[in-house]
């Protein structure tokens, strides 16, 4: 029998799944690991995980990982990148964050890292709520969405509008690449890996800040089955958050 697939070497052995059933975090991490392997980055990578569900990154990814305070992943990544570069040891540095971390408490760190053109890569898992702490309204919660802190649904008069991170990051002059992707079917999984790889390659080439926003399911807090969660992303969320490349400096 011919073997057609094996576990990425950048995934730790005997990792136990710590995410909720149907959560897309596991798939996102697997794709990151595959790209790390393909680009031969394992020995030079430092990953920065944030507070929230993304903090479990170090349980799965077999690279050096740093846990940052909530919202400070891009600031921590900036410090790591600059410190190593100053001593002639340029590391590959990326963040792995949730939408509340990247776009709410950490919006200043995220935005200014892009404006400065820090040569790091940020990955933001957007599940439109604060997944770990109870499903509260996040900056990405869509209009009408019910959460534990918006029991009648998000409305513009009280909560304002959701932020579109990939579009905002694309407006920063220091950004080399910004894209939004999803994981609800095979076609989009393949495309997500393609865009992660490009973002990583741009960092390796020293082109500036690169960013990937991944629309991800949260069956537990959405109170949906994994199948219906993916259907929601395909039919509703991707209409609010279009799946596309918003900036690619090599195609401008």
Protein backbone atom coordinates (compact mmCIF):
# COMPACT_ATOMS: atom_id res chain seq x y z
CA UNK A 1 0.00 0.00 0.00
CA UNK A 2 1.35 3.43 -0.95
CA UNK A 3 1.51 6.05 1.79
CA UNK A 4 0.08 9.33 0.56
CA UNK A 5 0.27 11.43 3.71
CA UNK A 6 2.19 11.56 6.98
CA UNK A 7 2.07 13.79 10.02
CA UNK A 8 4.08 17.02 9.64
CA UNK A 9 7.38 16.70 11.48
CA UNK A 10 6.69 20.12 13.04
CA UNK A 11 3.74 18.63 14.94
CA UNK A 12 4.66 17.16 18.33
CA UNK A 13 4.29 13.46 18.95
CA UNK A 14 1.40 12.25 21.10
CA UNK A 15 -0.37 15.62 21.29
CA UNK A 16 -3.81 15.39 22.87
CA UNK A 17 -6.56 17.49 21.26
CA UNK A 18 -7.46 20.31 23.64
CA UNK A 19 -9.92 22.21 21.45
CA UNK A 20 -13.69 21.77 21.35
CA UNK A 21 -15.13 19.22 18.93
CA UNK A 22 -15.45 20.72 15.46
CA UNK A 23 -13.11 23.63 16.16
CA UNK A 24 -10.93 24.64 13.20
CA UNK A 25 -7.87 25.50 15.31
CA UNK A 26 -6.45 22.01 14.88
CA UNK A 27 -6.68 22.20 11.10
CA UNK A 28 -5.17 25.69 11.02
CA UNK A 29 -2.20 24.54 13.14
CA UNK A 30 -1.69 21.50 10.90
CA UNK A 31 -1.51 23.74 7.82
CA UNK A 32 1.00 26.02 9.55
CA UNK A 33 3.12 22.97 10.42
CA UNK A 34 3.00 21.73 6.82
CA UNK A 35 4.21 25.09 5.54
CA UNK A 36 6.99 25.23 8.16
CA UNK A 37 8.15 21.82 6.96
CA UNK A 38 7.97 22.70 3.28
CA UNK A 39 9.99 25.89 3.79
CA UNK A 40 12.43 24.13 6.15
CA UNK A 41 11.77 26.65 8.92
CA UNK A 42 11.45 24.43 12.00
CA UNK A 43 14.88 25.09 13.49
CA UNK A 44 14.70 28.86 12.98
CA UNK A 45 11.08 29.50 13.97
CA UNK A 46 9.82 31.27 17.08
CA UNK A 47 6.03 31.30 17.42
CA UNK A 48 4.24 33.77 19.66
CA UNK A 49 0.93 32.54 21.04
CA UNK A 50 -1.62 34.82 22.67
CA UNK A 51 -4.09 34.32 25.49
CA UNK A 52 -7.28 32.51 24.54
CA UNK A 53 -7.77 29.29 22.57
CA UNK A 54 -4.66 30.08 20.53
CA UNK A 55 -2.51 29.63 23.65
CA UNK A 56 -2.59 25.85 23.10
CA UNK A 57 -0.27 26.28 20.11
CA UNK A 58 2.72 25.10 22.14
CA UNK A 59 0.95 21.81 22.88
CA UNK A 60 1.01 20.94 19.18
CA UNK A 61 3.70 22.81 17.28
CA UNK A 62 7.25 21.51 17.71
CA UNK A 63 9.05 24.85 17.48
CA UNK A 64 10.16 27.40 20.06
CA UNK A 65 7.02 29.10 21.41
CA UNK A 66 6.55 32.18 23.57
CA UNK A 67 3.29 32.96 25.37
CA UNK A 68 2.50 36.66 25.25
CA UNK A 69 0.19 38.69 27.50
CA UNK A 70 -3.29 39.20 26.10
CA UNK A 71 -3.17 41.44 23.04
CA UNK A 72 0.59 41.84 23.00
CA UNK A 73 1.60 39.09 20.56
CA UNK A 74 2.71 41.44 17.78
CA UNK A 75 4.67 43.56 20.27
CA UNK A 76 6.39 40.47 21.69
CA UNK A 77 7.10 39.18 18.18
CA UNK A 78 8.57 42.56 17.25
CA UNK A 79 10.92 42.45 20.24
CA UNK A 80 12.01 38.89 19.48
CA UNK A 81 12.62 39.63 15.80
CA UNK A 82 14.60 42.82 16.47
CA UNK A 83 16.66 41.35 19.29
CA UNK A 84 17.79 38.38 17.22
CA UNK A 85 18.42 40.51 14.16
CA UNK A 86 20.58 42.88 16.22
CA UNK A 87 22.95 40.03 17.06
CA UNK A 88 22.98 38.70 13.51
CA UNK A 89 20.69 35.75 14.17
CA UNK A 90 17.59 36.52 12.14
CA UNK A 91 14.77 34.21 13.24
CA UNK A 92 11.50 33.42 11.53
CA UNK A 93 8.82 34.86 13.84
CA UNK A 94 5.05 34.58 13.59
CA UNK A 95 2.09 35.16 15.88
CA UNK A 96 -0.93 32.91 16.28
CA UNK A 97 -3.85 34.88 17.73
CA UNK A 98 -7.60 35.02 18.12
CA UNK A 99 -9.71 37.85 16.77
CA UNK A 100 -10.37 39.33 20.20
CA UNK A 101 -6.66 39.32 20.92
CA UNK A 102 -5.53 40.68 17.55
CA UNK A 103 -8.32 43.15 16.83
CA UNK A 104 -9.58 44.31 20.25
CA UNK A 105 -7.22 44.49 23.22
CA UNK A 106 -4.26 44.15 20.83
CA UNK A 107 -5.44 46.41 18.00
CA UNK A 108 -2.79 49.06 18.71
CA UNK A 109 0.06 46.54 18.75
CA UNK A 110 -1.27 44.82 15.62
CA UNK A 111 -1.90 47.97 13.62
CA UNK A 112 1.34 49.69 14.51
CA UNK A 113 3.38 46.57 13.77
CA UNK A 114 1.93 46.71 10.26
CA UNK A 115 2.47 50.46 9.99
CA UNK A 116 6.12 50.03 10.96
CA UNK A 117 6.49 47.22 8.46
CA UNK A 118 7.83 44.81 11.06
CA UNK A 119 9.15 41.77 9.22
CA UNK A 120 6.92 39.29 11.06
CA UNK A 121 3.83 37.30 10.12
CA UNK A 122 0.55 37.44 12.06
CA UNK A 123 -2.14 34.78 11.85
CA UNK A 124 -5.55 35.71 13.26
CA UNK A 125 -8.19 33.03 13.85
CA UNK A 126 -11.52 34.83 13.49
CA UNK A 127 -14.43 32.93 15.07
CA UNK A 128 -16.46 36.11 15.76
CA UNK A 129 -16.46 35.76 19.55
CA UNK A 130 -14.25 35.34 22.61
CA UNK A 131 -14.07 31.55 22.40
CA UNK A 132 -12.22 30.55 25.55
CA UNK A 133 -13.80 32.91 28.07
CA UNK A 134 -17.46 32.20 27.39
CA UNK A 135 -18.49 33.40 23.95
CA UNK A 136 -18.68 37.13 24.59
CA UNK A 137 -19.11 39.75 21.86
CA UNK A 138 -15.85 40.39 20.02
CA UNK A 139 -14.80 43.18 17.64
CA UNK A 140 -15.56 40.75 14.80
CA UNK A 141 -19.04 39.68 15.99
CA UNK A 142 -21.36 40.26 13.03
CA UNK A 143 -24.53 42.34 13.06
CA UNK A 144 -27.41 40.52 14.75
CA UNK A 145 -25.18 37.79 16.20
CA UNK A 146 -26.21 36.65 19.67
CA UNK A 147 -23.42 36.23 22.21
CA UNK A 148 -23.32 36.02 25.99
CA UNK A 149 -22.82 39.80 26.17
CA UNK A 150 -25.17 40.66 23.29
CA UNK A 151 -28.20 38.47 24.10
CA UNK A 152 -30.45 40.36 21.68
CA UNK A 153 -27.83 40.40 18.92
CA UNK A 154 -25.19 42.93 17.90
CA UNK A 155 -26.67 46.27 16.86
CA UNK A 156 -24.96 49.36 15.48
CA UNK A 157 -26.50 51.79 17.97
CA UNK A 158 -25.06 50.06 21.02
CA UNK A 159 -22.13 47.97 19.80
CA UNK A 160 -21.07 49.64 16.57
CA UNK A 161 -19.92 47.72 13.53
CA UNK A 162 -17.57 44.73 13.32
CA UNK A 163 -13.96 45.34 12.30
CA UNK A 164 -12.59 43.87 9.09
CA UNK A 165 -9.02 43.13 10.07
CA UNK A 166 -7.60 42.03 6.73
CA UNK A 167 -8.87 45.17 5.00
CA UNK A 168 -7.50 47.47 7.72
CA UNK A 169 -4.09 45.80 7.76
CA UNK A 170 -3.98 46.04 3.96
CA UNK A 171 -4.20 49.83 4.22
CA UNK A 172 -0.93 50.04 6.17
CA UNK A 173 2.06 51.04 4.07
CA UNK A 174 4.30 48.57 5.92
CA UNK A 175 2.12 45.59 4.99
CA UNK A 176 3.45 43.34 2.25
CA UNK A 177 0.60 40.82 2.22
CA UNK A 178 -2.89 40.62 3.71
CA UNK A 179 -5.48 37.95 2.98
CA UNK A 180 -8.63 36.42 4.44
CA UNK A 181 -9.23 32.69 4.04
CA UNK A 182 -11.48 29.95 5.44
CA UNK A 183 -11.49 26.23 6.21
CA UNK A 184 -15.04 25.07 5.51
CA UNK A 185 -14.26 22.86 2.49
CA UNK A 186 -11.34 21.24 0.68
CA UNK A 187 -10.97 24.02 -1.88
CA UNK A 188 -10.64 26.64 0.84
CA UNK A 189 -8.33 24.49 2.95
CA UNK A 190 -5.96 24.21 -0.02
CA UNK A 191 -6.17 27.97 -0.60
CA UNK A 192 -5.55 28.70 3.09
CA UNK A 193 -2.32 26.74 3.01
CA UNK A 194 -1.30 28.53 -0.20
CA UNK A 195 -1.80 31.97 1.37
CA UNK A 196 -0.04 31.03 4.63
CA UNK A 197 2.91 29.86 2.57
CA UNK A 198 3.04 33.12 0.64
CA UNK A 199 2.87 35.17 3.85
CA UNK A 200 5.73 33.14 5.31
CA UNK A 201 7.77 33.48 2.11
CA UNK A 202 7.34 37.26 2.17
CA UNK A 203 8.80 37.38 5.66
CA UNK A 204 11.72 35.22 4.58
CA UNK A 205 12.37 37.69 1.77
CA UNK A 206 12.28 40.63 4.16
CA UNK A 207 9.30 42.33 2.53
CA UNK A 208 7.59 43.57 5.71
CA UNK A 209 4.49 42.70 7.73
CA UNK A 210 2.37 39.83 6.39
CA UNK A 211 -1.07 38.88 7.67
CA UNK A 212 -3.51 35.98 7.37
CA UNK A 213 -7.05 36.14 8.77
CA UNK A 214 -8.74 32.73 8.96
CA UNK A 215 -12.52 32.46 9.34
CA UNK A 216 -12.94 29.64 11.82
CA UNK A 217 -15.82 27.71 13.36
CA UNK A 218 -16.77 27.83 17.04
CA UNK A 219 -19.51 25.18 17.41
CA UNK A 220 -19.60 25.36 21.21
CA UNK A 221 -20.32 29.07 21.52
CA UNK A 222 -22.30 29.30 18.30
CA UNK A 223 -24.43 26.41 19.61
CA UNK A 224 -24.27 24.67 16.25
CA UNK A 225 -23.00 21.32 15.01
CA UNK A 226 -19.59 21.31 13.28
CA UNK A 227 -21.36 20.83 9.94
CA UNK A 228 -23.77 23.73 10.52
CA UNK A 229 -20.89 25.88 11.76
CA UNK A 230 -19.08 25.43 8.45
CA UNK A 231 -22.33 26.11 6.62
CA UNK A 232 -22.65 29.36 8.56
CA UNK A 233 -19.16 30.43 7.50
CA UNK A 234 -19.86 29.60 3.85
CA UNK A 235 -23.33 31.12 3.63
CA UNK A 236 -23.17 34.04 6.08
CA UNK A 237 -19.77 35.00 7.44
CA UNK A 238 -17.97 34.92 4.10
CA UNK A 239 -20.52 37.46 2.82
CA UNK A 240 -19.62 39.85 5.65
CA UNK A 241 -15.93 38.96 5.49
CA UNK A 242 -15.04 38.34 1.82
CA UNK A 243 -12.40 35.69 1.16
CA UNK A 244 -9.68 37.31 -0.92
CA UNK A 245 -6.18 38.74 -1.02
CA UNK A 246 -6.48 42.40 -0.07
CA UNK A 247 -2.84 43.34 -0.55
CA UNK A 248 0.07 41.71 -2.32
CA UNK A 249 2.91 44.13 -2.99
CA UNK A 250 4.15 42.02 -5.88
CA UNK A 251 0.83 42.44 -7.71
CA UNK A 252 0.39 46.17 -7.26
